[in-house]
Amino acid sequence: MKLGVMGAGLGSMGFEKALDYCHQLGLDAIELPVGAYPGKPFFDPAEVLKSKSLQTKIKDEIKKRKLIVSALAVHGNPVHPDKSIANEHHKDFEVAVKLARKLGTNIVITFSGCPGGSKADKMPNWVTCAWPPDYEKILEYQWNDVLIPYWKKQNKFAADNGVKVAFEAHPGFCLYNTETILKLRKECGKQLGANLDPSHFFWQGIDPIESARVLGDAKCIFHVHAKDTAIDPHNSKINGNLDTKSYGLVGKRSWVFRTVGYGHSDEFWKPFISMLRTKSYDGVLSIEHEDSLMSVQEGFEKAVAYLKRVMIKEKTGQAWWF
C-alpha cells in the first residue's frame, strides 16, 4: 500500500510547496483537487487539459518529488436541481475524466449528487426514512428519473476514457452507504465504484471493515480515504447521531471528524487495513484532514506518523511456515 494525501487541504501552500511538503513527510501519492466542492487550488484543469506542456510540467514536478497521482478529486452534485450548479459540476467532472489519464491516474473521485424531490424543487432533498409515502415517491423520482439515467451516461463516458469513478459515500447525497453504492453500480455499470471513506460510516453505525468486505467482494474499491470520526457518547445518547450543528461546535455535536488515530486507534485501523489487503486493495490510503481540534499541519502530520506505523507496504510473502 501507499500513503497519500487529499491535496485540497494543502491548497493554500501552492502546488510546488505542497509537493515539497509531501516529499518531506515521506508520502507516496497526492490526490489532486480539480473542481466542484474541492475547488481548483493548484491549477486550472481546463487549461491543463488543452496543453501538453502544462501536463508534462505537472507530471515532472510530481515525479521529481517521487510521488504519484492517486486520483483527481471533483466531489460535486452534477444532478443538483439548480441547473447552474449541476452544469458547473458536470463540466468539472467531464474535464476531470478527460484529464485523469493525461496526469497519470485512472481514478476520478466524486459524490453521486442529490436531486430535488421533484422536477419543481430548487434544492436537493435527501430522504432519511420510508414514511410518510411522499418519501417513497421522492426516491423513485430521484433514482429512476435522474440518478440512473445520468450515471449510465457517465459510466460509458468514463469507460471511453479509461477511467473509474470512485464515489465517496456521504450523507446528504443519494449514495451514502454500502448498499446504495452497489445499487448504482448494478444499474449503471462497472466503471462506478467506491472511494471508501470510513469517517462517513462511523456515525451512521456502519462498520467500515464489513463494508470493505462487501465492496471488496464486488471488486469495486477503487480508492480509500484515511479519515477518522469520534462519537461523543453524552450527546449521542441524548440526540442520536443525525446532527446538523456546525462542525465548529465540537462540544455540542454528537460526532466530529478527527485525524486518524484520534477517533479510533489500532483496534479499528489495523483490521481495516488488513481487510483491504485481504480483498486485494493495494492502492493508496489518502489522508483527508478535517479535524476541528487541530491545525491542518499538526493533524495531517499526526495522521502520517500513525499510518506509517500500522499500514502494510510490502507485497504479501509466501507462507514459509508450512
C-alpha atoms as a PDB file:
ATOM      1  CA  MET A   1       0.000   0.000   0.000  1.00  0.00           C
ATOM      2  CA  LYS A   2       0.972   3.611  -0.487  1.00  0.00           C
ATOM      3  CA  LEU A   3       0.376   6.655   1.697  1.00  0.00           C
ATOM      4  CA  GLY A   4      -1.004   9.849   0.211  1.00  0.00           C
ATOM      5  CA  VAL A   5      -2.992  12.990   0.874  1.00  0.00           C
ATOM      6  CA  MET A   6      -6.183  14.608  -0.392  1.00  0.00           C
ATOM      7  CA  GLY A   7      -4.482  17.765  -1.649  1.00  0.00           C
ATOM      8  CA  ALA A   8      -7.319  20.262  -1.101  1.00  0.00           C
ATOM      9  CA  GLY A   9      -6.189  20.780   2.497  1.00  0.00           C
ATOM     10  CA  LEU A  10      -2.766  21.885   1.246  1.00  0.00           C
ATOM     11  CA  GLY A  11      -4.159  24.255  -1.378  1.00  0.00           C
ATOM     12  CA  SER A  12      -3.026  27.424   0.394  1.00  0.00           C
ATOM     13  CA  MET A  13       0.611  26.332   0.039  1.00  0.00           C
ATOM     14  CA  GLY A  14       0.553  26.416  -3.736  1.00  0.00           C
ATOM     15  CA  PHE A  15       1.355  23.451  -5.942  1.00  0.00           C
ATOM     16  CA  GLU A  16       5.129  23.132  -5.702  1.00  0.00           C
ATOM     17  CA  LYS A  17       5.348  23.878  -1.964  1.00  0.00           C
ATOM     18  CA  ALA A  18       2.593  21.332  -1.330  1.00  0.00           C
ATOM     19  CA  LEU A  19       4.565  18.729  -3.298  1.00  0.00           C
ATOM     20  CA  ASP A  20       7.732  19.611  -1.361  1.00  0.00           C
ATOM     21  CA  TYR A  21       5.836  19.155   1.905  1.00  0.00           C
ATOM     22  CA  CYS A  22       4.517  15.747   0.811  1.00  0.00           C
ATOM     23  CA  HIS A  23       8.016  14.651  -0.156  1.00  0.00           C
ATOM     24  CA  GLN A  24       9.448  15.930   3.126  1.00  0.00           C
ATOM     25  CA  LEU A  25       6.943  13.786   5.058  1.00  0.00           C
ATOM     26  CA  GLY A  26       7.774  10.706   3.005  1.00  0.00           C
ATOM     27  CA  LEU A  27       4.450  10.354   1.212  1.00  0.00           C
ATOM     28  CA  ASP A  28       3.974   8.292  -1.928  1.00  0.00           C
ATOM     29  CA  ALA A  29       0.993   9.994  -3.567  1.00  0.00           C
ATOM     30  CA  ILE A  30      -1.201  13.055  -3.870  1.00  0.00           C
ATOM     31  CA  GLU A  31      -4.890  13.288  -4.781  1.00  0.00           C
ATOM     32  CA  LEU A  32      -5.329  16.432  -6.862  1.00  0.00           C
ATOM     33  CA  PRO A  33      -8.410  18.673  -6.397  1.00  0.00           C
ATOM     34  CA  VAL A  34      -9.720  19.756  -9.802  1.00  0.00           C
ATOM     35  CA  GLY A  35     -13.130  21.310  -9.290  1.00  0.00           C
ATOM     36  CA  ALA A  36     -16.613  21.375  -7.740  1.00  0.00           C
ATOM     37  CA  TYR A  37     -16.520  21.431  -3.920  1.00  0.00           C
ATOM     38  CA  PRO A  38     -12.746  20.778  -3.524  1.00  0.00           C
ATOM     39  CA  GLY A  39     -12.035  23.742  -5.801  1.00  0.00           C
ATOM     40  CA  LYS A  40      -9.084  24.268  -8.151  1.00  0.00           C
ATOM     41  CA  PRO A  41      -6.296  25.494  -5.843  1.00  0.00           C
ATOM     42  CA  PHE A  42      -3.281  24.254  -7.814  1.00  0.00           C
ATOM     43  CA  PHE A  43      -4.071  24.869 -11.496  1.00  0.00           C
ATOM     44  CA  ASP A  44      -6.913  25.414 -13.956  1.00  0.00           C
ATOM     45  CA  PRO A  45      -7.825  21.878 -15.082  1.00  0.00           C
ATOM     46  CA  ALA A  46      -9.477  23.060 -18.316  1.00  0.00           C
ATOM     47  CA  GLU A  47      -6.312  24.905 -19.337  1.00  0.00           C
ATOM     48  CA  VAL A  48      -4.153  21.909 -18.423  1.00  0.00           C
ATOM     49  CA  LEU A  49      -6.398  19.639 -20.492  1.00  0.00           C
ATOM     50  CA  LYS A  50      -5.675  21.773 -23.573  1.00  0.00           C
ATOM     51  CA  SER A  51      -1.893  21.956 -23.017  1.00  0.00           C
ATOM     52  CA  LYS A  52       0.527  19.034 -23.326  1.00  0.00           C
ATOM     53  CA  SER A  53       3.309  21.246 -21.991  1.00  0.00           C
ATOM     54  CA  LEU A  54       1.339  22.000 -18.803  1.00  0.00           C
ATOM     55  CA  GLN A  55       0.521  18.313 -18.406  1.00  0.00           C
ATOM     56  CA  THR A  56       4.195  17.440 -18.755  1.00  0.00           C
ATOM     57  CA  LYS A  57       5.226  20.140 -16.283  1.00  0.00           C
ATOM     58  CA  ILE A  58       2.748  18.909 -13.649  1.00  0.00           C
ATOM     59  CA  LYS A  59       3.828  15.295 -14.074  1.00  0.00           C
ATOM     60  CA  ASP A  60       7.504  16.248 -13.928  1.00  0.00           C
ATOM     61  CA  GLU A  61       7.038  18.250 -10.716  1.00  0.00           C
ATOM     62  CA  ILE A  62       5.224  15.314  -9.126  1.00  0.00           C
ATOM     63  CA  LYS A  63       7.781  12.763 -10.300  1.00  0.00           C
ATOM     64  CA  LYS A  64      10.635  14.968  -9.086  1.00  0.00           C
ATOM     65  CA  ARG A  65       9.297  14.515  -5.521  1.00  0.00           C
ATOM     66  CA  LYS A  66       8.962  10.731  -6.034  1.00  0.00           C
ATOM     67  CA  LEU A  67       5.174  10.976  -5.880  1.00  0.00           C
ATOM     68  CA  ILE A  68       2.325   9.626  -8.000  1.00  0.00           C
ATOM     69  CA  VAL A  69      -1.188  10.970  -8.584  1.00  0.00           C
ATOM     70  CA  SER A  70      -3.624   8.666  -6.777  1.00  0.00           C
ATOM     71  CA  ALA A  71      -6.777  10.308  -8.173  1.00  0.00           C
ATOM     72  CA  LEU A  72      -8.399  13.519  -9.337  1.00  0.00           C
ATOM     73  CA  ALA A  73     -10.929  14.867  -6.811  1.00  0.00           C
ATOM     74  CA  VAL A  74     -14.001  16.607  -8.205  1.00  0.00           C
ATOM     75  CA  HIS A  75     -16.613  15.951  -5.499  1.00  0.00           C
ATOM     76  CA  GLY A  76     -19.790  17.703  -6.627  1.00  0.00           C
ATOM     77  CA  ASN A  77     -23.518  17.500  -7.241  1.00  0.00           C
ATOM     78  CA  PRO A  78     -23.989  17.154 -11.008  1.00  0.00           C
ATOM     79  CA  VAL A  79     -27.694  16.315 -10.537  1.00  0.00           C
ATOM     80  CA  HIS A  80     -28.443  19.387  -8.417  1.00  0.00           C
ATOM     81  CA  PRO A  81     -31.945  20.786  -9.115  1.00  0.00           C
ATOM     82  CA  ASP A  82     -30.366  24.215  -9.670  1.00  0.00           C
ATOM     83  CA  LYS A  83     -29.196  23.768 -13.261  1.00  0.00           C
ATOM     84  CA  SER A  84     -26.423  26.343 -12.932  1.00  0.00           C
ATOM     85  CA  ILE A  85     -24.819  24.310 -10.134  1.00  0.00           C
ATOM     86  CA  ALA A  86     -25.475  20.997 -11.878  1.00  0.00           C
ATOM     87  CA  ASN A  87     -23.946  22.227 -15.138  1.00  0.00           C
ATOM     88  CA  GLU A  88     -20.872  23.656 -13.425  1.00  0.00           C
ATOM     89  CA  HIS A  89     -20.210  20.446 -11.502  1.00  0.00           C
ATOM     90  CA  HIS A  90     -20.895  18.302 -14.566  1.00  0.00           C
ATOM     91  CA  LYS A  91     -18.401  20.292 -16.638  1.00  0.00           C
ATOM     92  CA  ASP A  92     -15.781  19.959 -13.907  1.00  0.00           C
ATOM     93  CA  PHE A  93     -16.439  16.203 -13.832  1.00  0.00           C
ATOM     94  CA  GLU A  94     -16.081  15.926 -17.609  1.00  0.00           C
ATOM     95  CA  VAL A  95     -12.766  17.778 -17.549  1.00  0.00           C
ATOM     96  CA  ALA A  96     -11.520  15.543 -14.716  1.00  0.00           C
ATOM     97  CA  VAL A  97     -12.402  12.357 -16.615  1.00  0.00           C
ATOM     98  CA  LYS A  98     -10.653  13.595 -19.769  1.00  0.00           C
ATOM     99  CA  LEU A  99      -7.631  14.830 -17.806  1.00  0.00           C
ATOM    100  CA  ALA A 100      -7.078  11.882 -15.468  1.00  0.00           C
ATOM    101  CA  ARG A 101      -5.067   9.597 -17.755  1.00  0.00           C
ATOM    102  CA  LYS A 102      -3.039  12.547 -19.025  1.00  0.00           C
ATOM    103  CA  LEU A 103      -1.832  13.155 -15.447  1.00  0.00           C
ATOM    104  CA  GLY A 104      -1.104   9.504 -14.742  1.00  0.00           C
ATOM    105  CA  THR A 105      -4.186   8.194 -12.925  1.00  0.00           C
ATOM    106  CA  ASN A 106      -7.347   6.363 -13.927  1.00  0.00           C
ATOM    107  CA  ILE A 107      -9.413   7.305 -10.843  1.00  0.00           C
ATOM    108  CA  VAL A 108     -11.807  10.254 -10.551  1.00  0.00           C
ATOM    109  CA  ILE A 109     -13.447  10.790  -7.170  1.00  0.00           C
ATOM    110  CA  THR A 110     -16.826  12.461  -6.750  1.00  0.00           C
ATOM    111  CA  PHE A 111     -20.199  12.317  -4.993  1.00  0.00           C
ATOM    112  CA  SER A 112     -23.279  10.761  -6.543  1.00  0.00           C
ATOM    113  CA  GLY A 113     -25.145  14.020  -6.092  1.00  0.00           C
ATOM    114  CA  CYS A 114     -28.674  14.505  -4.805  1.00  0.00           C
ATOM    115  CA  PRO A 115     -31.580  15.808  -6.914  1.00  0.00           C
ATOM    116  CA  GLY A 116     -34.621  17.628  -5.608  1.00  0.00           C
ATOM    117  CA  GLY A 117     -37.710  15.720  -4.556  1.00  0.00           C
ATOM    118  CA  SER A 118     -39.463  16.523  -7.844  1.00  0.00           C
ATOM    119  CA  LYS A 119     -38.959  18.488 -11.049  1.00  0.00           C
ATOM    120  CA  ALA A 120     -40.367  21.562  -9.291  1.00  0.00           C
ATOM    121  CA  ASP A 121     -37.781  21.601  -6.474  1.00  0.00           C
ATOM    122  CA  LYS A 122     -34.966  24.121  -6.324  1.00  0.00           C
ATOM    123  CA  MET A 123     -32.913  22.490  -3.531  1.00  0.00           C
ATOM    124  CA  PRO A 124     -31.624  18.920  -3.014  1.00  0.00           C
ATOM    125  CA  ASN A 125     -33.835  16.631  -0.943  1.00  0.00           C
ATOM    126  CA  TRP A 126     -32.084  13.838   0.962  1.00  0.00           C
ATOM    127  CA  VAL A 127     -34.507  11.175   2.169  1.00  0.00           C
ATOM    128  CA  THR A 128     -33.758   9.556   5.548  1.00  0.00           C
ATOM    129  CA  CYS A 129     -36.915   7.498   6.218  1.00  0.00           C
ATOM    130  CA  ALA A 130     -39.532   5.392   4.431  1.00  0.00           C
ATOM    131  CA  TRP A 131     -42.724   7.083   5.674  1.00  0.00           C
ATOM    132  CA  PRO A 132     -44.908   9.136   5.034  1.00  0.00           C
ATOM    133  CA  PRO A 133     -45.426   7.803   1.482  1.00  0.00           C
ATOM    134  CA  ASP A 134     -44.189  11.097  -0.046  1.00  0.00           C
ATOM    135  CA  TYR A 135     -40.635   9.886   0.598  1.00  0.00           C
ATOM    136  CA  GLU A 136     -41.103   6.708  -1.415  1.00  0.00           C
ATOM    137  CA  LYS A 137     -42.232   8.835  -4.367  1.00  0.00           C
ATOM    138  CA  ILE A 138     -39.206  11.123  -3.939  1.00  0.00           C
ATOM    139  CA  LEU A 139     -36.820   8.158  -4.023  1.00  0.00           C
ATOM    140  CA  GLU A 140     -38.494   6.752  -7.148  1.00  0.00           C
ATOM    141  CA  TYR A 141     -38.108  10.101  -8.894  1.00  0.00           C
ATOM    142  CA  GLN A 142     -34.517  10.624  -7.774  1.00  0.00           C
ATOM    143  CA  TRP A 143     -33.294   7.177  -8.759  1.00  0.00           C
ATOM    144  CA  ASN A 144     -35.392   6.297 -11.800  1.00  0.00           C
ATOM    145  CA  ASP A 145     -35.776   9.708 -13.420  1.00  0.00           C
ATOM    146  CA  VAL A 146     -32.488  11.414 -12.540  1.00  0.00           C
ATOM    147  CA  LEU A 147     -29.707   9.402 -10.944  1.00  0.00           C
ATOM    148  CA  ILE A 148     -29.723   6.202 -13.019  1.00  0.00           C
ATOM    149  CA  PRO A 149     -30.102   7.924 -16.430  1.00  0.00           C
ATOM    150  CA  TYR A 150     -27.341  10.415 -15.595  1.00  0.00           C
ATOM    151  CA  TRP A 151     -24.821   7.895 -14.266  1.00  0.00           C
ATOM    152  CA  LYS A 152     -25.484   5.390 -17.054  1.00  0.00           C
ATOM    153  CA  LYS A 153     -24.241   8.032 -19.478  1.00  0.00           C
ATOM    154  CA  GLN A 154     -21.268   8.880 -17.261  1.00  0.00           C
ATOM    155  CA  ASN A 155     -20.357   5.197 -16.899  1.00  0.00           C
ATOM    156  CA  LYS A 156     -19.987   4.977 -20.690  1.00  0.00           C
ATOM    157  CA  PHE A 157     -18.125   8.284 -20.786  1.00  0.00           C
ATOM    158  CA  ALA A 158     -15.706   7.053 -18.112  1.00  0.00           C
ATOM    159  CA  ALA A 159     -15.203   3.739 -19.925  1.00  0.00           C
ATOM    160  CA  ASP A 160     -14.478   5.553 -23.188  1.00  0.00           C
ATOM    161  CA  ASN A 161     -11.734   7.497 -21.382  1.00  0.00           C
ATOM    162  CA  GLY A 162     -10.297   4.519 -19.484  1.00  0.00           C
ATOM    163  CA  VAL A 163     -11.350   5.942 -16.122  1.00  0.00           C
ATOM    164  CA  LYS A 164     -13.028   4.554 -12.994  1.00  0.00           C
ATOM    165  CA  VAL A 165     -15.400   6.761 -10.997  1.00  0.00           C
ATOM    166  CA  ALA A 166     -14.971   6.359  -7.233  1.00  0.00           C
ATOM    167  CA  PHE A 167     -17.963   7.597  -5.249  1.00  0.00           C
ATOM    168  CA  GLU A 168     -17.421   8.900  -1.760  1.00  0.00           C
ATOM    169  CA  ALA A 169     -20.485   7.726   0.138  1.00  0.00           C
ATOM    170  CA  HIS A 170     -21.679  10.756   2.088  1.00  0.00           C
ATOM    171  CA  PRO A 171     -24.961  11.552   3.865  1.00  0.00           C
ATOM    172  CA  GLY A 172     -26.804  14.303   2.040  1.00  0.00           C
ATOM    173  CA  PHE A 173     -26.243  12.540  -1.288  1.00  0.00           C
ATOM    174  CA  CYS A 174     -28.098   9.565  -2.759  1.00  0.00           C
ATOM    175  CA  LEU A 175     -25.052   7.308  -2.325  1.00  0.00           C
ATOM    176  CA  TYR A 176     -24.331   7.281   1.398  1.00  0.00           C
ATOM    177  CA  ASN A 177     -23.741   3.635   2.361  1.00  0.00           C
ATOM    178  CA  THR A 178     -22.604   0.251   1.033  1.00  0.00           C
ATOM    179  CA  GLU A 179     -25.986  -0.730  -0.363  1.00  0.00           C
ATOM    180  CA  THR A 180     -26.517   2.449  -2.393  1.00  0.00           C
ATOM    181  CA  ILE A 181     -23.032   2.224  -3.932  1.00  0.00           C
ATOM    182  CA  LEU A 182     -23.746  -1.330  -5.092  1.00  0.00           C
ATOM    183  CA  LYS A 183     -27.228  -0.395  -6.312  1.00  0.00           C
ATOM    184  CA  LEU A 184     -25.962   2.362  -8.610  1.00  0.00           C
ATOM    185  CA  ARG A 185     -23.098   0.164  -9.835  1.00  0.00           C
ATOM    186  CA  LYS A 186     -25.562  -2.629 -10.690  1.00  0.00           C
ATOM    187  CA  GLU A 187     -27.907  -0.257 -12.522  1.00  0.00           C
ATOM    188  CA  CYS A 188     -25.332   1.840 -14.344  1.00  0.00           C
ATOM    189  CA  GLY A 189     -22.102  -0.086 -14.885  1.00  0.00           C
ATOM    190  CA  LYS A 190     -18.800  -1.362 -13.562  1.00  0.00           C
ATOM    191  CA  GLN A 191     -16.807   1.824 -14.108  1.00  0.00           C
ATOM    192  CA  LEU A 192     -18.587   3.023 -10.961  1.00  0.00           C
ATOM    193  CA  GLY A 193     -17.312   2.026  -7.534  1.00  0.00           C
ATOM    194  CA  ALA A 194     -16.183   3.328  -4.159  1.00  0.00           C
ATOM    195  CA  ASN A 195     -13.814   5.807  -2.649  1.00  0.00           C
ATOM    196  CA  LEU A 196     -14.099   4.118   0.741  1.00  0.00           C
ATOM    197  CA  ASP A 197     -14.024   6.750   3.496  1.00  0.00           C
ATOM    198  CA  PRO A 198     -14.612   5.240   6.948  1.00  0.00           C
ATOM    199  CA  SER A 199     -15.282   8.613   8.591  1.00  0.00           C
ATOM    200  CA  HIS A 200     -18.735   8.943   6.990  1.00  0.00           C
ATOM    201  CA  PHE A 201     -19.679   5.421   8.033  1.00  0.00           C
ATOM    202  CA  PHE A 202     -18.829   5.576  11.740  1.00  0.00           C
ATOM    203  CA  TRP A 203     -21.578   7.997  12.689  1.00  0.00           C
ATOM    204  CA  GLN A 204     -24.154   6.145  10.602  1.00  0.00           C
ATOM    205  CA  GLY A 205     -23.485   2.994  12.607  1.00  0.00           C
ATOM    206  CA  ILE A 206     -21.824   1.268   9.633  1.00  0.00           C
ATOM    207  CA  ASP A 207     -18.773  -0.891  10.263  1.00  0.00           C
ATOM    208  CA  PRO A 208     -16.232   0.194   7.621  1.00  0.00           C
ATOM    209  CA  ILE A 209     -14.446  -3.153   7.931  1.00  0.00           C
ATOM    210  CA  GLU A 210     -17.598  -5.051   6.970  1.00  0.00           C
ATOM    211  CA  SER A 211     -18.277  -2.533   4.211  1.00  0.00           C
ATOM    212  CA  ALA A 212     -14.760  -3.161   2.885  1.00  0.00           C
ATOM    213  CA  ARG A 213     -15.503  -6.892   2.933  1.00  0.00           C
ATOM    214  CA  VAL A 214     -18.663  -6.484   0.831  1.00  0.00           C
ATOM    215  CA  LEU A 215     -17.299  -3.833  -1.546  1.00  0.00           C
ATOM    216  CA  GLY A 216     -14.097  -5.825  -1.899  1.00  0.00           C
ATOM    217  CA  ASP A 217     -16.037  -8.939  -2.879  1.00  0.00           C
ATOM    218  CA  ALA A 218     -17.781  -6.808  -5.514  1.00  0.00           C
ATOM    219  CA  LYS A 219     -14.333  -5.712  -6.739  1.00  0.00           C
ATOM    220  CA  CYS A 220     -15.251  -2.042  -6.565  1.00  0.00           C
ATOM    221  CA  ILE A 221     -12.930  -0.446  -4.004  1.00  0.00           C
ATOM    222  CA  PHE A 222     -11.159   1.980  -6.330  1.00  0.00           C
ATOM    223  CA  HIS A 223      -9.657   4.359  -3.762  1.00  0.00           C
ATOM    224  CA  VAL A 224      -9.553   4.817   0.039  1.00  0.00           C
ATOM    225  CA  HIS A 225      -9.609   7.907   2.234  1.00  0.00           C
ATOM    226  CA  ALA A 226      -7.940   7.849   5.635  1.00  0.00           C
ATOM    227  CA  LYS A 227     -10.105   9.991   7.901  1.00  0.00           C
ATOM    228  CA  ASP A 228     -11.494   9.339  11.371  1.00  0.00           C
ATOM    229  CA  THR A 229     -14.621  10.229  13.339  1.00  0.00           C
ATOM    230  CA  ALA A 230     -15.176  10.417  17.100  1.00  0.00           C
ATOM    231  CA  ILE A 231     -18.631   9.845  18.587  1.00  0.00           C
ATOM    232  CA  ASP A 232     -19.467  11.898  21.678  1.00  0.00           C
ATOM    233  CA  PRO A 233     -21.272   9.341  23.895  1.00  0.00           C
ATOM    234  CA  HIS A 234     -23.024  12.006  26.000  1.00  0.00           C
ATOM    235  CA  ASN A 235     -24.511  13.990  23.111  1.00  0.00           C
ATOM    236  CA  SER A 236     -25.169  10.864  21.048  1.00  0.00           C
ATOM    237  CA  LYS A 237     -27.221   9.212  23.808  1.00  0.00           C
ATOM    238  CA  ILE A 238     -29.377  12.322  24.095  1.00  0.00           C
ATOM    239  CA  ASN A 239     -29.854  13.274  20.438  1.00  0.00           C
ATOM    240  CA  GLY A 240     -28.688  10.362  18.289  1.00  0.00           C
ATOM    241  CA  ASN A 241     -26.175  10.837  15.507  1.00  0.00           C
ATOM    242  CA  LEU A 242     -28.138  12.841  12.943  1.00  0.00           C
ATOM    243  CA  ASP A 243     -26.573  16.208  13.669  1.00  0.00           C
ATOM    244  CA  THR A 244     -26.946  19.452  11.728  1.00  0.00           C
ATOM    245  CA  LYS A 245     -24.992  21.713  14.093  1.00  0.00           C
ATOM    246  CA  SER A 246     -21.862  23.493  12.850  1.00  0.00           C
ATOM    247  CA  TYR A 247     -18.680  21.420  12.790  1.00  0.00           C
ATOM    248  CA  GLY A 248     -17.139  24.173  14.891  1.00  0.00           C
ATOM    249  CA  LEU A 249     -19.413  23.356  17.855  1.00  0.00           C
ATOM    250  CA  VAL A 250     -17.245  20.412  18.858  1.00  0.00           C
ATOM    251  CA  GLY A 251     -18.522  20.072  22.425  1.00  0.00           C
ATOM    252  CA  LYS A 252     -22.185  20.149  21.381  1.00  0.00           C
ATOM    253  CA  ARG A 253     -22.153  17.772  18.421  1.00  0.00           C
ATOM    254  CA  SER A 254     -22.884  14.038  18.583  1.00  0.00           C
ATOM    255  CA  TRP A 255     -19.850  13.353  16.403  1.00  0.00           C
ATOM    256  CA  VAL A 256     -16.905  15.197  14.882  1.00  0.00           C
ATOM    257  CA  PHE A 257     -14.279  14.383  12.288  1.00  0.00           C
ATOM    258  CA  ARG A 258     -10.874  13.628  13.799  1.00  0.00           C
ATOM    259  CA  THR A 259      -7.436  12.996  12.447  1.00  0.00           C
ATOM    260  CA  VAL A 260      -6.526   9.335  12.044  1.00  0.00           C
ATOM    261  CA  GLY A 261      -5.989   7.652  15.410  1.00  0.00           C
ATOM    262  CA  TYR A 262      -7.960  10.190  17.448  1.00  0.00           C
ATOM    263  CA  GLY A 263     -11.409   8.715  16.820  1.00  0.00           C
ATOM    264  CA  HIS A 264     -10.339   5.078  16.578  1.00  0.00           C
ATOM    265  CA  SER A 265      -6.945   3.528  17.184  1.00  0.00           C
ATOM    266  CA  ASP A 266      -5.314   0.197  16.407  1.00  0.00           C
ATOM    267  CA  GLU A 267      -8.445  -1.810  17.239  1.00  0.00           C
ATOM    268  CA  PHE A 268     -10.021  -0.369  14.078  1.00  0.00           C
ATOM    269  CA  TRP A 269      -7.229   0.729  11.761  1.00  0.00           C
ATOM    270  CA  LYS A 270      -5.206  -2.500  11.808  1.00  0.00           C
ATOM    271  CA  PRO A 271      -8.194  -4.762  10.962  1.00  0.00           C
ATOM    272  CA  PHE A 272      -9.445  -2.228   8.392  1.00  0.00           C
ATOM    273  CA  ILE A 273      -6.106  -2.145   6.590  1.00  0.00           C
ATOM    274  CA  SER A 274      -5.884  -5.926   6.834  1.00  0.00           C
ATOM    275  CA  MET A 275      -9.356  -6.301   5.300  1.00  0.00           C
ATOM    276  CA  LEU A 276      -8.340  -4.044   2.421  1.00  0.00           C
ATOM    277  CA  ARG A 277      -5.303  -6.258   1.837  1.00  0.00           C
ATOM    278  CA  THR A 278      -7.452  -9.409   2.118  1.00  0.00           C
ATOM    279  CA  LYS A 279      -9.738  -8.062  -0.596  1.00  0.00           C
ATOM    280  CA  SER A 280      -6.755  -7.227  -2.837  1.00  0.00           C
ATOM    281  CA  TYR A 281      -6.769  -3.458  -2.392  1.00  0.00           C
ATOM    282  CA  ASP A 282      -3.135  -2.447  -2.558  1.00  0.00           C
ATOM    283  CA  GLY A 283      -3.569   1.171  -3.575  1.00  0.00           C
ATOM    284  CA  VAL A 284      -3.298   4.481  -1.744  1.00  0.00           C
ATOM    285  CA  LEU A 285      -4.543   5.464   1.706  1.00  0.00           C
ATOM    286  CA  SER A 286      -5.241   9.139   1.071  1.00  0.00           C
ATOM    287  CA  ILE A 287      -5.287  11.242   4.244  1.00  0.00           C
ATOM    288  CA  GLU A 288      -8.071  13.821   4.428  1.00  0.00           C
ATOM    289  CA  HIS A 289      -7.748  16.279   7.296  1.00  0.00           C
ATOM    290  CA  GLU A 290     -10.940  17.825   8.715  1.00  0.00           C
ATOM    291  CA  ASP A 291     -10.220  17.867  12.458  1.00  0.00           C
ATOM    292  CA  SER A 292     -11.697  20.873  14.301  1.00  0.00           C
ATOM    293  CA  LEU A 293      -9.343  20.384  17.258  1.00  0.00           C
ATOM    294  CA  MET A 294      -6.051  20.530  15.350  1.00  0.00           C
ATOM    295  CA  SER A 295      -4.354  22.720  12.793  1.00  0.00           C
ATOM    296  CA  VAL A 296      -4.052  21.259   9.308  1.00  0.00           C
ATOM    297  CA  GLN A 297      -0.308  20.767   9.749  1.00  0.00           C
ATOM    298  CA  GLU A 298      -0.475  19.088  13.154  1.00  0.00           C
ATOM    299  CA  GLY A 299      -3.440  16.880  12.300  1.00  0.00           C
ATOM    300  CA  PHE A 300      -2.008  15.855   8.951  1.00  0.00           C
ATOM    301  CA  GLU A 301       1.452  15.069  10.332  1.00  0.00           C
ATOM    302  CA  LYS A 302      -0.018  13.032  13.189  1.00  0.00           C
ATOM    303  CA  ALA A 303      -2.027  11.032  10.652  1.00  0.00           C
ATOM    304  CA  VAL A 304       1.085  10.412   8.560  1.00  0.00           C
ATOM    305  CA  ALA A 305       3.054   9.205  11.587  1.00  0.00           C
ATOM    306  CA  TYR A 306       0.229   6.954  12.759  1.00  0.00           C
ATOM    307  CA  LEU A 307      -0.489   5.342   9.401  1.00  0.00           C
ATOM    308  CA  LYS A 308       3.171   4.722   8.671  1.00  0.00           C
ATOM    309  CA  ARG A 309       3.205   2.571  11.783  1.00  0.00           C
ATOM    310  CA  VAL A 310       0.129   0.463  11.011  1.00  0.00           C
ATOM    311  CA  MET A 311      -0.168   0.269   7.224  1.00  0.00           C
ATOM    312  CA  ILE A 312       1.101  -2.674   5.174  1.00  0.00           C
ATOM    313  CA  LYS A 313       3.519  -1.592   2.457  1.00  0.00           C
ATOM    314  CA  GLU A 314       5.304  -4.683   1.178  1.00  0.00           C
ATOM    315  CA  LYS A 315       3.801  -7.337  -1.052  1.00  0.00           C
ATOM    316  CA  THR A 316       2.468 -10.456   0.611  1.00  0.00           C
ATOM    317  CA  GLY A 317       5.148 -13.084   1.162  1.00  0.00           C
ATOM    318  CA  GLN A 318       4.811 -16.827   0.769  1.00  0.00           C
ATOM    319  CA  ALA A 319       3.622 -18.907   3.742  1.00  0.00           C
ATOM    320  CA  TRP A 320       7.057 -20.292   4.622  1.00  0.00           C
ATOM    321  CA  TRP A 321       5.873 -21.923   7.875  1.00  0.00           C
ATOM    322  CA  PHE A 322       4.210 -24.955   6.289  1.00  0.00           C
END
